Amino acid sequence: MNKKLKSNLSTFEKDLKSMQLILEEIESKDLSLEEVIDKYKLGVELSKKCQKALEEAEQKIKQVTDDIEK
Protein backbone atom coordinates (compact mmCIF):
# COMPACT_ATOMS: atom_id res chain seq x y z
CA MET A 1 0.00 0.00 0.00
CA ASN A 2 1.46 3.36 -0.94
CA LYS A 3 2.00 6.11 1.63
CA LYS A 4 -0.77 8.39 0.34
CA LEU A 5 -3.36 5.60 0.47
CA LYS A 6 -2.24 4.66 3.99
CA SER A 7 -2.41 8.31 5.04
CA ASN A 8 -5.89 8.75 3.55
CA LEU A 9 -7.09 5.56 5.23
CA SER A 10 -5.64 6.66 8.57
CA THR A 11 -7.25 10.09 8.25
CA PHE A 12 -10.55 8.52 7.24
CA GLU A 13 -10.50 6.24 10.27
CA LYS A 14 -9.62 9.12 12.60
CA ASP A 15 -12.38 11.29 11.14
CA LEU A 16 -14.90 8.47 11.43
CA LYS A 17 -13.94 7.92 15.06
CA SER A 18 -14.26 11.67 15.69
CA MET A 19 -17.74 11.62 14.18
CA GLN A 20 -18.72 8.76 16.48
CA LEU A 21 -17.44 10.68 19.50
CA ILE A 22 -19.35 13.80 18.41
CA LEU A 23 -22.54 11.76 18.13
CA GLU A 24 -22.02 10.34 21.62
CA GLU A 25 -21.44 13.83 22.99
CA ILE A 26 -24.60 15.16 21.34
CA GLU A 27 -26.64 12.20 22.57
CA SER A 28 -25.36 12.67 26.13
CA LYS A 29 -27.67 15.68 26.49
CA ASP A 30 -25.05 17.43 28.64
CA LEU A 31 -24.41 20.13 26.04
CA SER A 32 -26.03 23.50 25.51
CA LEU A 33 -27.89 24.12 22.28
CA GLU A 34 -24.99 26.23 20.99
CA GLU A 35 -22.53 23.43 21.77
CA VAL A 36 -24.75 20.91 19.99
CA ILE A 37 -24.90 23.16 16.92
CA ASP A 38 -21.10 23.56 16.93
CA LYS A 39 -20.63 19.79 17.26
CA TYR A 40 -23.14 19.23 14.47
CA LYS A 41 -21.25 21.62 12.16
CA LEU A 42 -18.00 19.78 12.89
CA GLY A 43 -19.72 16.47 12.24
CA VAL A 44 -20.98 17.69 8.87
CA GLU A 45 -17.46 18.82 7.90
CA LEU A 46 -16.00 15.46 8.91
CA SER A 47 -18.76 13.67 7.02
CA LYS A 48 -17.88 15.57 3.85
CA LYS A 49 -14.20 14.67 4.27
CA CYS A 50 -15.07 11.00 4.78
CA GLN A 51 -17.35 11.01 1.74
CA LYS A 52 -14.56 12.48 -0.39
CA ALA A 53 -12.10 9.87 0.89
CA LEU A 54 -14.57 7.09 0.07
CA GLU A 55 -15.08 8.46 -3.43
CA GLU A 56 -11.30 8.57 -3.97
CA ALA A 57 -10.95 5.00 -2.74
CA GLU A 58 -13.77 3.90 -5.05
CA GLN A 59 -11.99 5.51 -8.00
CA LYS A 60 -8.73 3.74 -7.12
CA ILE A 61 -10.52 0.39 -6.84
CA LYS A 62 -12.22 0.97 -10.19
CA GLN A 63 -8.88 1.85 -11.78
CA VAL A 64 -7.22 -1.29 -10.41
CA THR A 65 -10.16 -3.41 -11.57
CA ASP A 66 -10.03 -1.84 -15.04
CA ASP A 67 -6.26 -2.45 -15.23
CA ILE A 68 -6.73 -6.12 -14.30
CA GLU A 69 -9.45 -6.62 -16.90
CA LYS A 70 -7.24 -5.30 -19.73
PDB file of N, CA and C in Angstrom:
ATOM      1  N   MET A   1       0.852  -1.171   0.000  1.00  0.00           N
ATOM      2  CA  MET A   1       0.000   0.000   0.000  1.00  0.00           C
ATOM      3  C   MET A   1       0.901   1.238   0.000  1.00  0.00           C
ATOM      4  N   ASN A   2       0.596   2.182  -0.900  1.00  0.00           N
ATOM      5  CA  ASN A   2       1.456   3.362  -0.942  1.00  0.00           C
ATOM      6  C   ASN A   2       1.159   4.301   0.229  1.00  0.00           C
ATOM      7  N   LYS A   3       2.108   5.233   0.447  1.00  0.00           N
ATOM      8  CA  LYS A   3       2.002   6.110   1.629  1.00  0.00           C
ATOM      9  C   LYS A   3       0.751   6.983   1.605  1.00  0.00           C
ATOM     10  N   LYS A   4       0.399   7.512   0.420  1.00  0.00           N
ATOM     11  CA  LYS A   4      -0.775   8.393   0.343  1.00  0.00           C
ATOM     12  C   LYS A   4      -2.046   7.623   0.689  1.00  0.00           C
ATOM     13  N   LEU A   5      -2.171   6.406   0.171  1.00  0.00           N
ATOM     14  CA  LEU A   5      -3.356   5.604   0.471  1.00  0.00           C
ATOM     15  C   LEU A   5      -3.425   5.277   1.953  1.00  0.00           C
ATOM     16  N   LYS A   6      -2.273   4.927   2.551  1.00  0.00           N
ATOM     17  CA  LYS A   6      -2.238   4.660   3.991  1.00  0.00           C
ATOM     18  C   LYS A   6      -2.639   5.902   4.774  1.00  0.00           C
ATOM     19  N   SER A   7      -2.111   7.048   4.360  1.00  0.00           N
ATOM     20  CA  SER A   7      -2.415   8.306   5.043  1.00  0.00           C
ATOM     21  C   SER A   7      -3.896   8.637   4.937  1.00  0.00           C
ATOM     22  N   ASN A   8      -4.458   8.475   3.732  1.00  0.00           N
ATOM     23  CA  ASN A   8      -5.885   8.749   3.549  1.00  0.00           C
ATOM     24  C   ASN A   8      -6.731   7.812   4.392  1.00  0.00           C
ATOM     25  N   LEU A   9      -6.348   6.543   4.444  1.00  0.00           N
ATOM     26  CA  LEU A   9      -7.093   5.564   5.234  1.00  0.00           C
ATOM     27  C   LEU A   9      -7.005   5.910   6.717  1.00  0.00           C
ATOM     28  N   SER A  10      -5.823   6.277   7.168  1.00  0.00           N
ATOM     29  CA  SER A  10      -5.642   6.656   8.569  1.00  0.00           C
ATOM     30  C   SER A  10      -6.484   7.884   8.908  1.00  0.00           C
ATOM     31  N   THR A  11      -6.459   8.872   8.032  1.00  0.00           N
ATOM     32  CA  THR A  11      -7.247  10.091   8.247  1.00  0.00           C
ATOM     33  C   THR A  11      -8.729   9.768   8.244  1.00  0.00           C
ATOM     34  N   PHE A  12      -9.153   8.922   7.305  1.00  0.00           N
ATOM     35  CA  PHE A  12     -10.554   8.520   7.235  1.00  0.00           C
ATOM     36  C   PHE A  12     -10.980   7.869   8.546  1.00  0.00           C
ATOM     37  N   GLU A  13     -10.161   6.948   9.032  1.00  0.00           N
ATOM     38  CA  GLU A  13     -10.500   6.236  10.267  1.00  0.00           C
ATOM     39  C   GLU A  13     -10.549   7.185  11.462  1.00  0.00           C
ATOM     40  N   LYS A  14      -9.617   8.135  11.516  1.00  0.00           N
ATOM     41  CA  LYS A  14      -9.623   9.116  12.603  1.00  0.00           C
ATOM     42  C   LYS A  14     -10.863  10.002  12.523  1.00  0.00           C
ATOM     43  N   ASP A  15     -11.197  10.438  11.313  1.00  0.00           N
ATOM     44  CA  ASP A  15     -12.380  11.291  11.139  1.00  0.00           C
ATOM     45  C   ASP A  15     -13.655  10.536  11.493  1.00  0.00           C
ATOM     46  N   LEU A  16     -13.729   9.283  11.101  1.00  0.00           N
ATOM     47  CA  LEU A  16     -14.902   8.474  11.426  1.00  0.00           C
ATOM     48  C   LEU A  16     -15.036   8.306  12.936  1.00  0.00           C
ATOM     49  N   LYS A  17     -13.921   8.048  13.604  1.00  0.00           N
ATOM     50  CA  LYS A  17     -13.941   7.921  15.057  1.00  0.00           C
ATOM     51  C   LYS A  17     -14.364   9.244  15.703  1.00  0.00           C
ATOM     52  N   SER A  18     -13.877  10.353  15.177  1.00  0.00           N
ATOM     53  CA  SER A  18     -14.262  11.670  15.694  1.00  0.00           C
ATOM     54  C   SER A  18     -15.766  11.898  15.536  1.00  0.00           C
ATOM     55  N   MET A  19     -16.306  11.482  14.394  1.00  0.00           N
ATOM     56  CA  MET A  19     -17.745  11.619  14.181  1.00  0.00           C
ATOM     57  C   MET A  19     -18.523  10.790  15.197  1.00  0.00           C
ATOM     58  N   GLN A  20     -18.044   9.611  15.498  1.00  0.00           N
ATOM     59  CA  GLN A  20     -18.715   8.762  16.481  1.00  0.00           C
ATOM     60  C   GLN A  20     -18.683   9.412  17.866  1.00  0.00           C
ATOM     61  N   LEU A  21     -17.552  10.004  18.207  1.00  0.00           N
ATOM     62  CA  LEU A  21     -17.443  10.683  19.501  1.00  0.00           C
ATOM     63  C   LEU A  21     -18.366  11.896  19.566  1.00  0.00           C
ATOM     64  N   ILE A  22     -18.449  12.642  18.466  1.00  0.00           N
ATOM     65  CA  ILE A  22     -19.347  13.795  18.411  1.00  0.00           C
ATOM     66  C   ILE A  22     -20.785  13.345  18.624  1.00  0.00           C
ATOM     67  N   LEU A  23     -21.181  12.284  17.964  1.00  0.00           N
ATOM     68  CA  LEU A  23     -22.538  11.758  18.130  1.00  0.00           C
ATOM     69  C   LEU A  23     -22.806  11.385  19.582  1.00  0.00           C
ATOM     70  N   GLU A  24     -21.859  10.716  20.208  1.00  0.00           N
ATOM     71  CA  GLU A  24     -22.020  10.337  21.619  1.00  0.00           C
ATOM     72  C   GLU A  24     -22.161  11.574  22.496  1.00  0.00           C
ATOM     73  N   GLU A  25     -21.365  12.605  22.206  1.00  0.00           N
ATOM     74  CA  GLU A  25     -21.443  13.835  22.990  1.00  0.00           C
ATOM     75  C   GLU A  25     -22.808  14.503  22.821  1.00  0.00           C
ATOM     76  N   ILE A  26     -23.293  14.543  21.588  1.00  0.00           N
ATOM     77  CA  ILE A  26     -24.598  15.158  21.335  1.00  0.00           C
ATOM     78  C   ILE A  26     -25.699  14.364  22.023  1.00  0.00           C
ATOM     79  N   GLU A  27     -25.614  13.051  21.955  1.00  0.00           N
ATOM     80  CA  GLU A  27     -26.640  12.203  22.569  1.00  0.00           C
ATOM     81  C   GLU A  27     -26.597  12.221  24.091  1.00  0.00           C
ATOM     82  N   SER A  28     -25.490  12.656  24.671  1.00  0.00           N
ATOM     83  CA  SER A  28     -25.358  12.671  26.130  1.00  0.00           C
ATOM     84  C   SER A  28     -26.297  13.681  26.783  1.00  0.00           C
ATOM     85  N   LYS A  29     -26.748  14.653  26.020  1.00  0.00           N
ATOM     86  CA  LYS A  29     -27.669  15.683  26.494  1.00  0.00           C
ATOM     87  C   LYS A  29     -27.058  16.594  27.557  1.00  0.00           C
ATOM     88  N   ASP A  30     -25.728  16.569  27.671  1.00  0.00           N
ATOM     89  CA  ASP A  30     -25.048  17.427  28.637  1.00  0.00           C
ATOM     90  C   ASP A  30     -24.522  18.711  27.995  1.00  0.00           C
ATOM     91  N   LEU A  31     -24.912  18.965  26.758  1.00  0.00           N
ATOM     92  CA  LEU A  31     -24.408  20.128  26.041  1.00  0.00           C
ATOM     93  C   LEU A  31     -25.507  21.176  25.888  1.00  0.00           C
ATOM     94  N   SER A  32     -25.072  22.425  25.799  1.00  0.00           N
ATOM     95  CA  SER A  32     -26.026  23.497  25.511  1.00  0.00           C
ATOM     96  C   SER A  32     -26.405  23.422  24.034  1.00  0.00           C
ATOM     97  N   LEU A  33     -27.455  24.113  23.672  1.00  0.00           N
ATOM     98  CA  LEU A  33     -27.893  24.121  22.277  1.00  0.00           C
ATOM     99  C   LEU A  33     -26.779  24.638  21.363  1.00  0.00           C
ATOM    100  N   GLU A  34     -26.094  25.668  21.796  1.00  0.00           N
ATOM    101  CA  GLU A  34     -24.995  26.231  20.995  1.00  0.00           C
ATOM    102  C   GLU A  34     -23.872  25.203  20.813  1.00  0.00           C
ATOM    103  N   GLU A  35     -23.550  24.464  21.867  1.00  0.00           N
ATOM    104  CA  GLU A  35     -22.527  23.426  21.765  1.00  0.00           C
ATOM    105  C   GLU A  35     -22.961  22.304  20.819  1.00  0.00           C
ATOM    106  N   VAL A  36     -24.228  21.949  20.886  1.00  0.00           N
ATOM    107  CA  VAL A  36     -24.753  20.909  19.992  1.00  0.00           C
ATOM    108  C   VAL A  36     -24.637  21.373  18.540  1.00  0.00           C
ATOM    109  N   ILE A  37     -24.982  22.622  18.282  1.00  0.00           N
ATOM    110  CA  ILE A  37     -24.895  23.156  16.920  1.00  0.00           C
ATOM    111  C   ILE A  37     -23.450  23.154  16.436  1.00  0.00           C
ATOM    112  N   ASP A  38     -22.516  23.570  17.293  1.00  0.00           N
ATOM    113  CA  ASP A  38     -21.097  23.559  16.929  1.00  0.00           C
ATOM    114  C   ASP A  38     -20.613  22.139  16.636  1.00  0.00           C
ATOM    115  N   LYS A  39     -21.009  21.194  17.461  1.00  0.00           N
ATOM    116  CA  LYS A  39     -20.628  19.789  17.257  1.00  0.00           C
ATOM    117  C   LYS A  39     -21.228  19.273  15.950  1.00  0.00           C
ATOM    118  N   TYR A  40     -22.470  19.656  15.687  1.00  0.00           N
ATOM    119  CA  TYR A  40     -23.145  19.233  14.466  1.00  0.00           C
ATOM    120  C   TYR A  40     -22.391  19.752  13.239  1.00  0.00           C
ATOM    121  N   LYS A  41     -22.003  21.029  13.274  1.00  0.00           N
ATOM    122  CA  LYS A  41     -21.252  21.616  12.162  1.00  0.00           C
ATOM    123  C   LYS A  41     -19.949  20.847  11.927  1.00  0.00           C
ATOM    124  N   LEU A  42     -19.244  20.540  13.005  1.00  0.00           N
ATOM    125  CA  LEU A  42     -18.001  19.783  12.892  1.00  0.00           C
ATOM    126  C   LEU A  42     -18.276  18.395  12.314  1.00  0.00           C
ATOM    127  N   GLY A  43     -19.343  17.779  12.758  1.00  0.00           N
ATOM    128  CA  GLY A  43     -19.719  16.468  12.239  1.00  0.00           C
ATOM    129  C   GLY A  43     -20.011  16.495  10.744  1.00  0.00           C
ATOM    130  N   VAL A  44     -20.674  17.544  10.294  1.00  0.00           N
ATOM    131  CA  VAL A  44     -20.975  17.689   8.868  1.00  0.00           C
ATOM    132  C   VAL A  44     -19.678  17.846   8.074  1.00  0.00           C
ATOM    133  N   GLU A  45     -18.753  18.645   8.583  1.00  0.00           N
ATOM    134  CA  GLU A  45     -17.464  18.823   7.903  1.00  0.00           C
ATOM    135  C   GLU A  45     -16.705  17.491   7.818  1.00  0.00           C
ATOM    136  N   LEU A  46     -16.688  16.760   8.909  1.00  0.00           N
ATOM    137  CA  LEU A  46     -16.004  15.464   8.911  1.00  0.00           C
ATOM    138  C   LEU A  46     -16.690  14.484   7.966  1.00  0.00           C
ATOM    139  N   SER A  47     -17.999  14.543   7.924  1.00  0.00           N
ATOM    140  CA  SER A  47     -18.763  13.672   7.024  1.00  0.00           C
ATOM    141  C   SER A  47     -18.396  13.945   5.567  1.00  0.00           C
ATOM    142  N   LYS A  48     -18.263  15.202   5.216  1.00  0.00           N
ATOM    143  CA  LYS A  48     -17.877  15.566   3.847  1.00  0.00           C
ATOM    144  C   LYS A  48     -16.476  15.046   3.522  1.00  0.00           C
ATOM    145  N   LYS A  49     -15.560  15.181   4.486  1.00  0.00           N
ATOM    146  CA  LYS A  49     -14.199  14.673   4.271  1.00  0.00           C
ATOM    147  C   LYS A  49     -14.214  13.163   4.085  1.00  0.00           C
ATOM    148  N   CYS A  50     -14.984  12.468   4.885  1.00  0.00           N
ATOM    149  CA  CYS A  50     -15.075  11.002   4.779  1.00  0.00           C
ATOM    150  C   CYS A  50     -15.685  10.596   3.442  1.00  0.00           C
ATOM    151  N   GLN A  51     -16.708  11.306   3.022  1.00  0.00           N
ATOM    152  CA  GLN A  51     -17.346  11.005   1.736  1.00  0.00           C
ATOM    153  C   GLN A  51     -16.352  11.174   0.601  1.00  0.00           C
ATOM    154  N   LYS A  52     -15.568  12.239   0.655  1.00  0.00           N
ATOM    155  CA  LYS A  52     -14.563  12.478  -0.387  1.00  0.00           C
ATOM    156  C   LYS A  52     -13.517  11.357  -0.383  1.00  0.00           C
ATOM    157  N   ALA A  53     -13.079  10.950   0.789  1.00  0.00           N
ATOM    158  CA  ALA A  53     -12.101   9.868   0.892  1.00  0.00           C
ATOM    159  C   ALA A  53     -12.663   8.565   0.333  1.00  0.00           C
ATOM    160  N   LEU A  54     -13.937   8.294   0.605  1.00  0.00           N
ATOM    161  CA  LEU A  54     -14.574   7.086   0.067  1.00  0.00           C
ATOM    162  C   LEU A  54     -14.677   7.145  -1.455  1.00  0.00           C
ATOM    163  N   GLU A  55     -14.993   8.312  -1.980  1.00  0.00           N
ATOM    164  CA  GLU A  55     -15.081   8.465  -3.432  1.00  0.00           C
ATOM    165  C   GLU A  55     -13.716   8.254  -4.080  1.00  0.00           C
ATOM    166  N   GLU A  56     -12.655   8.771  -3.454  1.00  0.00           N
ATOM    167  CA  GLU A  56     -11.302   8.573  -3.973  1.00  0.00           C
ATOM    168  C   GLU A  56     -10.924   7.093  -3.930  1.00  0.00           C
ATOM    169  N   ALA A  57     -11.250   6.423  -2.861  1.00  0.00           N
ATOM    170  CA  ALA A  57     -10.953   4.997  -2.741  1.00  0.00           C
ATOM    171  C   ALA A  57     -11.715   4.208  -3.800  1.00  0.00           C
ATOM    172  N   GLU A  58     -12.960   4.569  -4.036  1.00  0.00           N
ATOM    173  CA  GLU A  58     -13.766   3.897  -5.050  1.00  0.00           C
ATOM    174  C   GLU A  58     -13.132   4.061  -6.434  1.00  0.00           C
ATOM    175  N   GLN A  59     -12.650   5.264  -6.725  1.00  0.00           N
ATOM    176  CA  GLN A  59     -11.987   5.514  -8.002  1.00  0.00           C
ATOM    177  C   GLN A  59     -10.728   4.655  -8.148  1.00  0.00           C
ATOM    178  N   LYS A  60      -9.956   4.544  -7.079  1.00  0.00           N
ATOM    179  CA  LYS A  60      -8.732   3.739  -7.122  1.00  0.00           C
ATOM    180  C   LYS A  60      -9.063   2.266  -7.336  1.00  0.00           C
ATOM    181  N   ILE A  61     -10.098   1.790  -6.681  1.00  0.00           N
ATOM    182  CA  ILE A  61     -10.517   0.389  -6.844  1.00  0.00           C
ATOM    183  C   ILE A  61     -10.982   0.157  -8.271  1.00  0.00           C
ATOM    184  N   LYS A  62     -11.743   1.095  -8.813  1.00  0.00           N
ATOM    185  CA  LYS A  62     -12.221   0.975 -10.195  1.00  0.00           C
ATOM    186  C   LYS A  62     -11.040   0.945 -11.154  1.00  0.00           C
ATOM    187  N   GLN A  63     -10.049   1.798 -10.914  1.00  0.00           N
ATOM    188  CA  GLN A  63      -8.875   1.848 -11.781  1.00  0.00           C
ATOM    189  C   GLN A  63      -8.107   0.525 -11.736  1.00  0.00           C
ATOM    190  N   VAL A  64      -7.916  -0.027 -10.550  1.00  0.00           N
ATOM    191  CA  VAL A  64      -7.223  -1.293 -10.412  1.00  0.00           C
ATOM    192  C   VAL A  64      -8.001  -2.401 -11.118  1.00  0.00           C
ATOM    193  N   THR A  65      -9.308  -2.410 -10.924  1.00  0.00           N
ATOM    194  CA  THR A  65     -10.158  -3.408 -11.571  1.00  0.00           C
ATOM    195  C   THR A  65     -10.074  -3.284 -13.093  1.00  0.00           C
ATOM    196  N   ASP A  66     -10.131  -2.057 -13.593  1.00  0.00           N
ATOM    197  CA  ASP A  66     -10.029  -1.839 -15.037  1.00  0.00           C
ATOM    198  C   ASP A  66      -8.680  -2.308 -15.568  1.00  0.00           C
ATOM    199  N   ASP A  67      -7.602  -2.037 -14.819  1.00  0.00           N
ATOM    200  CA  ASP A  67      -6.263  -2.454 -15.233  1.00  0.00           C
ATOM    201  C   ASP A  67      -6.143  -3.973 -15.281  1.00  0.00           C
ATOM    202  N   ILE A  68      -6.778  -4.646 -14.338  1.00  0.00           N
ATOM    203  CA  ILE A  68      -6.733  -6.122 -14.296  1.00  0.00           C
ATOM    204  C   ILE A  68      -7.499  -6.716 -15.470  1.00  0.00           C
ATOM    205  N   GLU A  69      -8.597  -6.096 -15.838  1.00  0.00           N
ATOM    206  CA  GLU A  69      -9.449  -6.619 -16.904  1.00  0.00           C
ATOM    207  C   GLU A  69      -8.863  -6.401 -18.295  1.00  0.00           C
ATOM    208  N   LYS A  70      -7.845  -5.572 -18.415  1.00  0.00           N
ATOM    209  CA  LYS A  70      -7.236  -5.298 -19.728  1.00  0.00           C
ATOM    210  C   LYS A  70      -6.371  -6.448 -20.176  1.00  0.00           C
TER     211      LYS A  70
END
